[in-house]
Amino acid sequence: MEPTKYEITYIIRPDLDEAAKTALVERFDKIVSDNGATIVDSKDWSTRRFAYEISNYNEGTYHIINATANDDAALNEFDRLAKISDDILRHMIIKRED
């Protein structure tokens, strides 16, 4: 059976310094890969202004992970930890059909 493709997009708060942002991205990439998913690529998209305020911020850095997985263990763990992280303002996991 072929692995399922996923796209994980999350917004990092803009006041993190570069070292802390890099550590956060590496930590969440490791969470995904340690739980059975394979990361195809992980990159910053851009820093964008929001249409409305999120947690007292007007902008944030969007980061995108493309991954493949045979089950949803990695996605569930990412979702659980992203919800309790103060550095991630929002996140979204989508199953890709392409």
Protein backbone atom coordinates (compact mmCIF):
# COMPACT_ATOMS: atom_id res chain seq x y z
CA MET A 1 0.00 0.00 0.00
CA GLU A 2 1.30 3.42 -0.95
CA PRO A 3 1.81 5.95 1.88
CA THR A 4 -0.64 8.84 2.16
CA LYS A 5 0.63 12.36 1.40
CA TYR A 6 -0.03 15.14 3.92
CA GLU A 7 0.61 18.86 4.12
CA ILE A 8 1.05 20.40 7.56
CA THR A 9 0.90 24.18 7.71
CA TYR A 10 1.50 26.08 10.92
CA ILE A 11 1.95 29.71 11.91
CA ILE A 12 4.87 30.64 14.15
CA ARG A 13 4.57 33.75 16.30
CA PRO A 14 6.56 36.64 14.81
CA ASP A 15 8.48 37.74 17.93
CA LEU A 16 10.60 34.56 18.13
CA ASP A 17 14.27 35.16 17.36
CA GLU A 18 15.85 33.20 14.51
CA ALA A 19 17.56 30.61 16.76
CA ALA A 20 14.34 29.87 18.68
CA LYS A 21 12.36 29.59 15.43
CA THR A 22 14.92 27.18 13.96
CA ALA A 23 14.82 25.08 17.15
CA LEU A 24 10.99 25.02 17.04
CA VAL A 25 10.94 23.91 13.39
CA GLU A 26 13.56 21.20 14.04
CA ARG A 27 11.62 19.99 17.10
CA PHE A 28 8.35 19.63 15.18
CA ASP A 29 10.09 18.06 12.15
CA LYS A 30 11.59 15.50 14.55
CA ILE A 31 8.17 14.81 16.12
CA VAL A 32 6.76 14.02 12.68
CA SER A 33 9.68 11.81 11.59
CA ASP A 34 10.05 10.01 14.95
CA ASN A 35 6.41 8.90 14.79
CA GLY A 36 6.66 7.09 11.47
CA ALA A 37 6.19 9.76 8.81
CA THR A 38 8.72 10.67 6.13
CA ILE A 39 9.30 14.38 5.58
CA VAL A 40 9.50 15.26 1.87
CA ASP A 41 10.27 18.92 2.56
CA SER A 42 9.97 21.45 5.36
CA LYS A 43 10.25 25.15 4.60
CA ASP A 44 9.12 28.63 5.56
CA TRP A 45 6.53 30.04 3.22
CA SER A 46 6.55 33.69 4.29
CA THR A 47 5.70 36.12 7.05
CA ARG A 48 2.22 37.43 6.37
CA ARG A 49 -0.19 39.87 7.90
CA PHE A 50 -3.40 38.33 9.30
CA ALA A 51 -6.91 39.38 8.35
CA TYR A 52 -7.71 39.45 12.06
CA GLU A 53 -5.71 39.36 15.28
CA ILE A 54 -4.66 35.94 16.60
CA SER A 55 -3.47 35.80 20.23
CA ASN A 56 -2.58 39.53 20.16
CA TYR A 57 -0.48 39.16 16.97
CA ASN A 58 -1.20 40.81 13.61
CA GLU A 59 1.28 38.72 11.59
CA GLY A 60 3.10 35.39 11.70
CA THR A 61 5.53 33.18 9.82
CA TYR A 62 3.90 30.36 7.88
CA HIS A 63 5.82 27.07 7.77
CA ILE A 64 4.87 24.11 5.55
CA ILE A 65 5.81 20.44 5.95
CA ASN A 66 5.05 17.96 3.16
CA ALA A 67 5.16 14.41 4.48
CA THR A 68 4.08 10.87 3.72
CA ALA A 69 2.82 8.38 6.30
CA ASN A 70 1.25 4.93 6.43
CA ASP A 71 -0.82 5.75 9.53
CA ASP A 72 -1.84 8.88 11.40
CA ALA A 73 0.32 8.47 14.54
CA ALA A 74 2.73 11.23 13.50
CA LEU A 75 -0.12 13.58 12.62
CA ASN A 76 -1.93 12.96 15.89
CA GLU A 77 1.24 13.63 17.89
CA PHE A 78 2.00 16.80 15.89
CA ASP A 79 -1.59 17.99 16.43
CA ARG A 80 -1.47 17.28 20.17
CA LEU A 81 1.83 19.10 20.73
CA ALA A 82 1.02 22.03 18.41
CA LYS A 83 -2.16 22.71 20.41
CA ILE A 84 -0.19 23.14 23.64
CA SER A 85 2.75 25.07 22.15
CA ASP A 86 2.66 28.81 22.82
CA ASP A 87 4.94 29.42 19.81
CA ILE A 88 2.47 28.01 17.25
CA LEU A 89 -0.53 30.29 16.76
CA ARG A 90 -2.51 28.03 14.39
CA HIS A 91 -1.95 24.79 12.51
CA MET A 92 -3.72 22.74 9.86
CA ILE A 93 -3.15 19.22 8.54
CA ILE A 94 -4.49 18.29 5.12
CA LYS A 95 -4.50 14.99 3.27
CA ARG A 96 -3.22 15.58 -0.28
CA GLU A 97 -4.83 13.79 -3.19
CA ASP A 98 -2.14 14.38 -5.83
